Amino acid sequence: KVEKMNPLKVKTYYKRAILVYDINSNFIEELPTIDSAVKKYSRGVQKVLKGVQQQCKGYIFKYKE
């Protein structure tokens, strides 16, 4: 028999909106999730959001507050 499993928790940080800026801090676009930003730009987006890198491919990424 399999015992009841705890319900899975959905990671909310994947659902946060991402704002994209160029190097001169000009707003470019807003993306609905990190996944969509990674698909469009690259995996470097996650490093910029974590603070490991300052930019990725000439863009700056920030979470929407």
PDB file of N, CA and C in Angstrom:
ATOM      1  N   LYS A   1       0.829  -1.190   0.000  1.00  0.00           N
ATOM      2  CA  LYS A   1       0.000   0.000   0.000  1.00  0.00           C
ATOM      3  C   LYS A   1       0.871   1.249   0.000  1.00  0.00           C
ATOM      4  N   VAL A   2       0.361   2.269  -0.661  1.00  0.00           N
ATOM      5  CA  VAL A   2       1.056   3.544  -0.679  1.00  0.00           C
ATOM      6  C   VAL A   2       0.347   4.488   0.284  1.00  0.00           C
ATOM      7  N   GLU A   3       1.117   5.076   1.167  1.00  0.00           N
ATOM      8  CA  GLU A   3       0.518   6.010   2.113  1.00  0.00           C
ATOM      9  C   GLU A   3       0.225   7.333   1.416  1.00  0.00           C
ATOM     10  N   LYS A   4      -0.614   8.120   2.045  1.00  0.00           N
ATOM     11  CA  LYS A   4      -0.965   9.411   1.460  1.00  0.00           C
ATOM     12  C   LYS A   4       0.268  10.306   1.411  1.00  0.00           C
ATOM     13  N   MET A   5       0.420  10.971   0.272  1.00  0.00           N
ATOM     14  CA  MET A   5       1.550  11.880   0.105  1.00  0.00           C
ATOM     15  C   MET A   5       1.126  13.293   0.478  1.00  0.00           C
ATOM     16  N   ASN A   6       2.070  14.064   0.936  1.00  0.00           N
ATOM     17  CA  ASN A   6       1.794  15.466   1.205  1.00  0.00           C
ATOM     18  C   ASN A   6       1.533  16.182  -0.119  1.00  0.00           C
ATOM     19  N   PRO A   7       0.641  17.167  -0.132  1.00  0.00           N
ATOM     20  CA  PRO A   7       0.393  17.898  -1.382  1.00  0.00           C
ATOM     21  C   PRO A   7       1.638  18.645  -1.835  1.00  0.00           C
ATOM     22  N   LEU A   8       1.819  18.712  -3.145  1.00  0.00           N
ATOM     23  CA  LEU A   8       2.974  19.411  -3.694  1.00  0.00           C
ATOM     24  C   LEU A   8       2.789  20.911  -3.575  1.00  0.00           C
ATOM     25  N   LYS A   9       3.867  21.603  -3.277  1.00  0.00           N
ATOM     26  CA  LYS A   9       3.822  23.060  -3.210  1.00  0.00           C
ATOM     27  C   LYS A   9       4.352  23.614  -4.517  1.00  0.00           C
ATOM     28  N   VAL A  10       3.622  24.538  -5.109  1.00  0.00           N
ATOM     29  CA  VAL A  10       4.039  25.166  -6.351  1.00  0.00           C
ATOM     30  C   VAL A  10       5.009  26.289  -6.014  1.00  0.00           C
ATOM     31  N   LYS A  11       6.144  26.284  -6.677  1.00  0.00           N
ATOM     32  CA  LYS A  11       7.138  27.310  -6.441  1.00  0.00           C
ATOM     33  C   LYS A  11       6.651  28.617  -7.064  1.00  0.00           C
ATOM     34  N   THR A  12       6.437  29.613  -6.242  1.00  0.00           N
ATOM     35  CA  THR A  12       5.858  30.863  -6.730  1.00  0.00           C
ATOM     36  C   THR A  12       6.876  31.733  -7.442  1.00  0.00           C
ATOM     37  N   TYR A  13       8.172  31.504  -7.233  1.00  0.00           N
ATOM     38  CA  TYR A  13       9.141  32.380  -7.868  1.00  0.00           C
ATOM     39  C   TYR A  13       9.199  32.178  -9.378  1.00  0.00           C
ATOM     40  N   TYR A  14       8.676  31.070  -9.884  1.00  0.00           N
ATOM     41  CA  TYR A  14       8.615  30.886 -11.331  1.00  0.00           C
ATOM     42  C   TYR A  14       7.474  31.695 -11.952  1.00  0.00           C
ATOM     43  N   LYS A  15       6.532  32.130 -11.129  1.00  0.00           N
ATOM     44  CA  LYS A  15       5.366  32.835 -11.632  1.00  0.00           C
ATOM     45  C   LYS A  15       5.489  34.351 -11.502  1.00  0.00           C
ATOM     46  N   ARG A  16       6.605  34.850 -11.029  1.00  0.00           N
ATOM     47  CA  ARG A  16       6.765  36.287 -10.868  1.00  0.00           C
ATOM     48  C   ARG A  16       7.093  36.937 -12.207  1.00  0.00           C
ATOM     49  N   ALA A  17       6.535  38.113 -12.425  1.00  0.00           N
ATOM     50  CA  ALA A  17       6.781  38.836 -13.665  1.00  0.00           C
ATOM     51  C   ALA A  17       8.211  39.379 -13.675  1.00  0.00           C
ATOM     52  N   ILE A  18       8.796  39.411 -14.862  1.00  0.00           N
ATOM     53  CA  ILE A  18      10.169  39.868 -15.045  1.00  0.00           C
ATOM     54  C   ILE A  18      10.150  41.113 -15.922  1.00  0.00           C
ATOM     55  N   LEU A  19      10.877  42.143 -15.498  1.00  0.00           N
ATOM     56  CA  LEU A  19      11.020  43.356 -16.292  1.00  0.00           C
ATOM     57  C   LEU A  19      12.383  43.335 -16.966  1.00  0.00           C
ATOM     58  N   VAL A  20      12.424  43.703 -18.240  1.00  0.00           N
ATOM     59  CA  VAL A  20      13.654  43.672 -19.024  1.00  0.00           C
ATOM     60  C   VAL A  20      14.048  45.110 -19.348  1.00  0.00           C
ATOM     61  N   TYR A  21      15.311  45.460 -19.069  1.00  0.00           N
ATOM     62  CA  TYR A  21      15.860  46.781 -19.353  1.00  0.00           C
ATOM     63  C   TYR A  21      17.129  46.625 -20.180  1.00  0.00           C
ATOM     64  N   ASP A  22      17.474  47.666 -20.952  1.00  0.00           N
ATOM     65  CA  ASP A  22      18.766  47.645 -21.631  1.00  0.00           C
ATOM     66  C   ASP A  22      19.823  48.209 -20.693  1.00  0.00           C
ATOM     67  N   ILE A  23      21.057  48.331 -21.161  1.00  0.00           N
ATOM     68  CA  ILE A  23      22.157  48.783 -20.303  1.00  0.00           C
ATOM     69  C   ILE A  23      21.950  50.212 -19.809  1.00  0.00           C
ATOM     70  N   ASN A  24      21.243  51.030 -20.586  1.00  0.00           N
ATOM     71  CA  ASN A  24      20.987  52.418 -20.209  1.00  0.00           C
ATOM     72  C   ASN A  24      19.737  52.575 -19.357  1.00  0.00           C
ATOM     73  N   SER A  25      19.218  51.501 -18.811  1.00  0.00           N
ATOM     74  CA  SER A  25      18.032  51.469 -17.949  1.00  0.00           C
ATOM     75  C   SER A  25      16.756  51.890 -18.662  1.00  0.00           C
ATOM     76  N   ASN A  26      16.681  51.683 -19.971  1.00  0.00           N
ATOM     77  CA  ASN A  26      15.451  51.919 -20.716  1.00  0.00           C
ATOM     78  C   ASN A  26      14.611  50.648 -20.680  1.00  0.00           C
ATOM     79  N   PHE A  27      13.321  50.803 -20.339  1.00  0.00           N
ATOM     80  CA  PHE A  27      12.428  49.652 -20.262  1.00  0.00           C
ATOM     81  C   PHE A  27      12.227  49.052 -21.648  1.00  0.00           C
ATOM     82  N   ILE A  28      12.359  47.727 -21.750  1.00  0.00           N
ATOM     83  CA  ILE A  28      12.182  47.029 -23.013  1.00  0.00           C
ATOM     84  C   ILE A  28      10.840  46.303 -23.035  1.00  0.00           C
ATOM     85  N   GLU A  29      10.624  45.392 -22.073  1.00  0.00           N
ATOM     86  CA  GLU A  29       9.387  44.619 -22.047  1.00  0.00           C
ATOM     87  C   GLU A  29       9.169  43.978 -20.685  1.00  0.00           C
ATOM     88  N   GLU A  30       7.966  43.457 -20.512  1.00  0.00           N
ATOM     89  CA  GLU A  30       7.622  42.707 -19.311  1.00  0.00           C
ATOM     90  C   GLU A  30       7.259  41.291 -19.729  1.00  0.00           C
ATOM     91  N   LEU A  31       7.840  40.313 -19.054  1.00  0.00           N
ATOM     92  CA  LEU A  31       7.560  38.905 -19.338  1.00  0.00           C
ATOM     93  C   LEU A  31       6.840  38.304 -18.133  1.00  0.00           C
ATOM     94  N   PRO A  32       5.881  37.405 -18.358  1.00  0.00           N
ATOM     95  CA  PRO A  32       5.059  36.904 -17.251  1.00  0.00           C
ATOM     96  C   PRO A  32       5.775  35.967 -16.280  1.00  0.00           C
ATOM     97  N   THR A  33       6.773  35.200 -16.759  1.00  0.00           N
ATOM     98  CA  THR A  33       7.440  34.225 -15.887  1.00  0.00           C
ATOM     99  C   THR A  33       8.930  34.160 -16.197  1.00  0.00           C
ATOM    100  N   ILE A  34       9.666  33.538 -15.285  1.00  0.00           N
ATOM    101  CA  ILE A  34      11.095  33.312 -15.506  1.00  0.00           C
ATOM    102  C   ILE A  34      11.289  32.360 -16.683  1.00  0.00           C
ATOM    103  N   ASP A  35      10.427  31.358 -16.772  1.00  0.00           N
ATOM    104  CA  ASP A  35      10.548  30.386 -17.866  1.00  0.00           C
ATOM    105  C   ASP A  35      10.464  31.060 -19.231  1.00  0.00           C
ATOM    106  N   SER A  36       9.548  32.004 -19.379  1.00  0.00           N
ATOM    107  CA  SER A  36       9.427  32.692 -20.665  1.00  0.00           C
ATOM    108  C   SER A  36      10.650  33.562 -20.943  1.00  0.00           C
ATOM    109  N   ALA A  37      11.233  34.152 -19.901  1.00  0.00           N
ATOM    110  CA  ALA A  37      12.442  34.960 -20.066  1.00  0.00           C
ATOM    111  C   ALA A  37      13.631  34.083 -20.458  1.00  0.00           C
ATOM    112  N   VAL A  38      13.743  32.908 -19.850  1.00  0.00           N
ATOM    113  CA  VAL A  38      14.834  31.984 -20.169  1.00  0.00           C
ATOM    114  C   VAL A  38      14.703  31.487 -21.608  1.00  0.00           C
ATOM    115  N   LYS A  39      13.487  31.182 -22.044  1.00  0.00           N
ATOM    116  CA  LYS A  39      13.279  30.712 -23.417  1.00  0.00           C
ATOM    117  C   LYS A  39      13.651  31.790 -24.426  1.00  0.00           C
ATOM    118  N   LYS A  40      13.343  33.052 -24.109  1.00  0.00           N
ATOM    119  CA  LYS A  40      13.591  34.131 -25.063  1.00  0.00           C
ATOM    120  C   LYS A  40      15.054  34.571 -25.065  1.00  0.00           C
ATOM    121  N   TYR A  41      15.693  34.642 -23.884  1.00  0.00           N
ATOM    122  CA  TYR A  41      17.060  35.165 -23.793  1.00  0.00           C
ATOM    123  C   TYR A  41      18.070  34.045 -23.561  1.00  0.00           C
ATOM    124  N   SER A  42      18.169  33.522 -22.369  1.00  0.00           N
ATOM    125  CA  SER A  42      19.044  32.386 -22.058  1.00  0.00           C
ATOM    126  C   SER A  42      18.956  32.093 -20.568  1.00  0.00           C
ATOM    127  N   ARG A  43      19.687  31.086 -20.132  1.00  0.00           N
ATOM    128  CA  ARG A  43      19.673  30.724 -18.714  1.00  0.00           C
ATOM    129  C   ARG A  43      20.400  31.748 -17.857  1.00  0.00           C
ATOM    130  N   GLY A  44      21.122  32.662 -18.473  1.00  0.00           N
ATOM    131  CA  GLY A  44      21.792  33.725 -17.735  1.00  0.00           C
ATOM    132  C   GLY A  44      20.823  34.653 -17.030  1.00  0.00           C
ATOM    133  N   VAL A  45      19.571  34.639 -17.431  1.00  0.00           N
ATOM    134  CA  VAL A  45      18.539  35.463 -16.795  1.00  0.00           C
ATOM    135  C   VAL A  45      18.443  35.115 -15.314  1.00  0.00           C
ATOM    136  N   GLN A  46      18.476  33.843 -15.006  1.00  0.00           N
ATOM    137  CA  GLN A  46      18.379  33.410 -13.611  1.00  0.00           C
ATOM    138  C   GLN A  46      19.563  33.906 -12.790  1.00  0.00           C
ATOM    139  N   LYS A  47      20.752  33.930 -13.375  1.00  0.00           N
ATOM    140  CA  LYS A  47      21.934  34.409 -12.658  1.00  0.00           C
ATOM    141  C   LYS A  47      21.832  35.911 -12.376  1.00  0.00           C
ATOM    142  N   VAL A  48      21.278  36.657 -13.323  1.00  0.00           N
ATOM    143  CA  VAL A  48      21.099  38.093 -13.115  1.00  0.00           C
ATOM    144  C   VAL A  48      20.085  38.334 -11.996  1.00  0.00           C
ATOM    145  N   LEU A  49      18.999  37.583 -11.986  1.00  0.00           N
ATOM    146  CA  LEU A  49      17.981  37.750 -10.952  1.00  0.00           C
ATOM    147  C   LEU A  49      18.495  37.349  -9.571  1.00  0.00           C
ATOM    148  N   LYS A  50      19.412  36.388  -9.514  1.00  0.00           N
ATOM    149  CA  LYS A  50      19.994  35.977  -8.231  1.00  0.00           C
ATOM    150  C   LYS A  50      21.108  36.918  -7.773  1.00  0.00           C
ATOM    151  N   GLY A  51      21.607  37.766  -8.674  1.00  0.00           N
ATOM    152  CA  GLY A  51      22.668  38.689  -8.310  1.00  0.00           C
ATOM    153  C   GLY A  51      24.060  38.179  -8.596  1.00  0.00           C
ATOM    154  N   VAL A  52      24.194  37.051  -9.268  1.00  0.00           N
ATOM    155  CA  VAL A  52      25.503  36.494  -9.598  1.00  0.00           C
ATOM    156  C   VAL A  52      26.143  37.296 -10.729  1.00  0.00           C
ATOM    157  N   GLN A  53      25.340  37.683 -11.714  1.00  0.00           N
ATOM    158  CA  GLN A  53      25.800  38.505 -12.830  1.00  0.00           C
ATOM    159  C   GLN A  53      25.050  39.829 -12.818  1.00  0.00           C
ATOM    160  N   GLN A  54      25.640  40.854 -13.463  1.00  0.00           N
ATOM    161  CA  GLN A  54      24.962  42.146 -13.548  1.00  0.00           C
ATOM    162  C   GLN A  54      24.069  42.232 -14.770  1.00  0.00           C
ATOM    163  N   GLN A  55      24.436  41.541 -15.845  1.00  0.00           N
ATOM    164  CA  GLN A  55      23.644  41.591 -17.072  1.00  0.00           C
ATOM    165  C   GLN A  55      23.798  40.296 -17.848  1.00  0.00           C
ATOM    166  N   CYS A  56      22.899  40.109 -18.815  1.00  0.00           N
ATOM    167  CA  CYS A  56      22.931  38.942 -19.683  1.00  0.00           C
ATOM    168  C   CYS A  56      22.580  39.402 -21.089  1.00  0.00           C
ATOM    169  N   LYS A  57      23.502  39.200 -22.024  1.00  0.00           N
ATOM    170  CA  LYS A  57      23.314  39.574 -23.425  1.00  0.00           C
ATOM    171  C   LYS A  57      22.945  41.044 -23.597  1.00  0.00           C
ATOM    172  N   GLY A  58      23.495  41.905 -22.747  1.00  0.00           N
ATOM    173  CA  GLY A  58      23.245  43.335 -22.861  1.00  0.00           C
ATOM    174  C   GLY A  58      21.942  43.788 -22.239  1.00  0.00           C
ATOM    175  N   TYR A  59      21.292  42.935 -21.469  1.00  0.00           N
ATOM    176  CA  TYR A  59      20.029  43.279 -20.826  1.00  0.00           C
ATOM    177  C   TYR A  59      20.141  43.105 -19.318  1.00  0.00           C
ATOM    178  N   ILE A  60      19.342  43.881 -18.595  1.00  0.00           N
ATOM    179  CA  ILE A  60      19.241  43.781 -17.140  1.00  0.00           C
ATOM    180  C   ILE A  60      17.837  43.280 -16.821  1.00  0.00           C
ATOM    181  N   PHE A  61      17.748  42.313 -15.933  1.00  0.00           N
ATOM    182  CA  PHE A  61      16.463  41.721 -15.584  1.00  0.00           C
ATOM    183  C   PHE A  61      16.167  41.990 -14.128  1.00  0.00           C
ATOM    184  N   LYS A  62      14.903  42.343 -13.832  1.00  0.00           N
ATOM    185  CA  LYS A  62      14.475  42.602 -12.457  1.00  0.00           C
ATOM    186  C   LYS A  62      13.095  41.999 -12.273  1.00  0.00           C
ATOM    187  N   TYR A  63      12.814  41.603 -11.006  1.00  0.00           N
ATOM    188  CA  TYR A  63      11.476  41.150 -10.677  1.00  0.00           C
ATOM    189  C   TYR A  63      10.543  42.346 -10.601  1.00  0.00           C
ATOM    190  N   LYS A  64       9.305  42.165 -11.015  1.00  0.00           N
ATOM    191  CA  LYS A  64       8.302  43.217 -10.883  1.00  0.00           C
ATOM    192  C   LYS A  64       7.824  43.192  -9.444  1.00  0.00           C
ATOM    193  N   GLU A  65       7.789  44.319  -8.819  1.00  0.00           N
ATOM    194  CA  GLU A  65       7.382  44.409  -7.395  1.00  0.00           C
ATOM    195  C   GLU A  65       5.884  44.355  -7.248  1.00  0.00           C
TER     196      GLU A  65
END
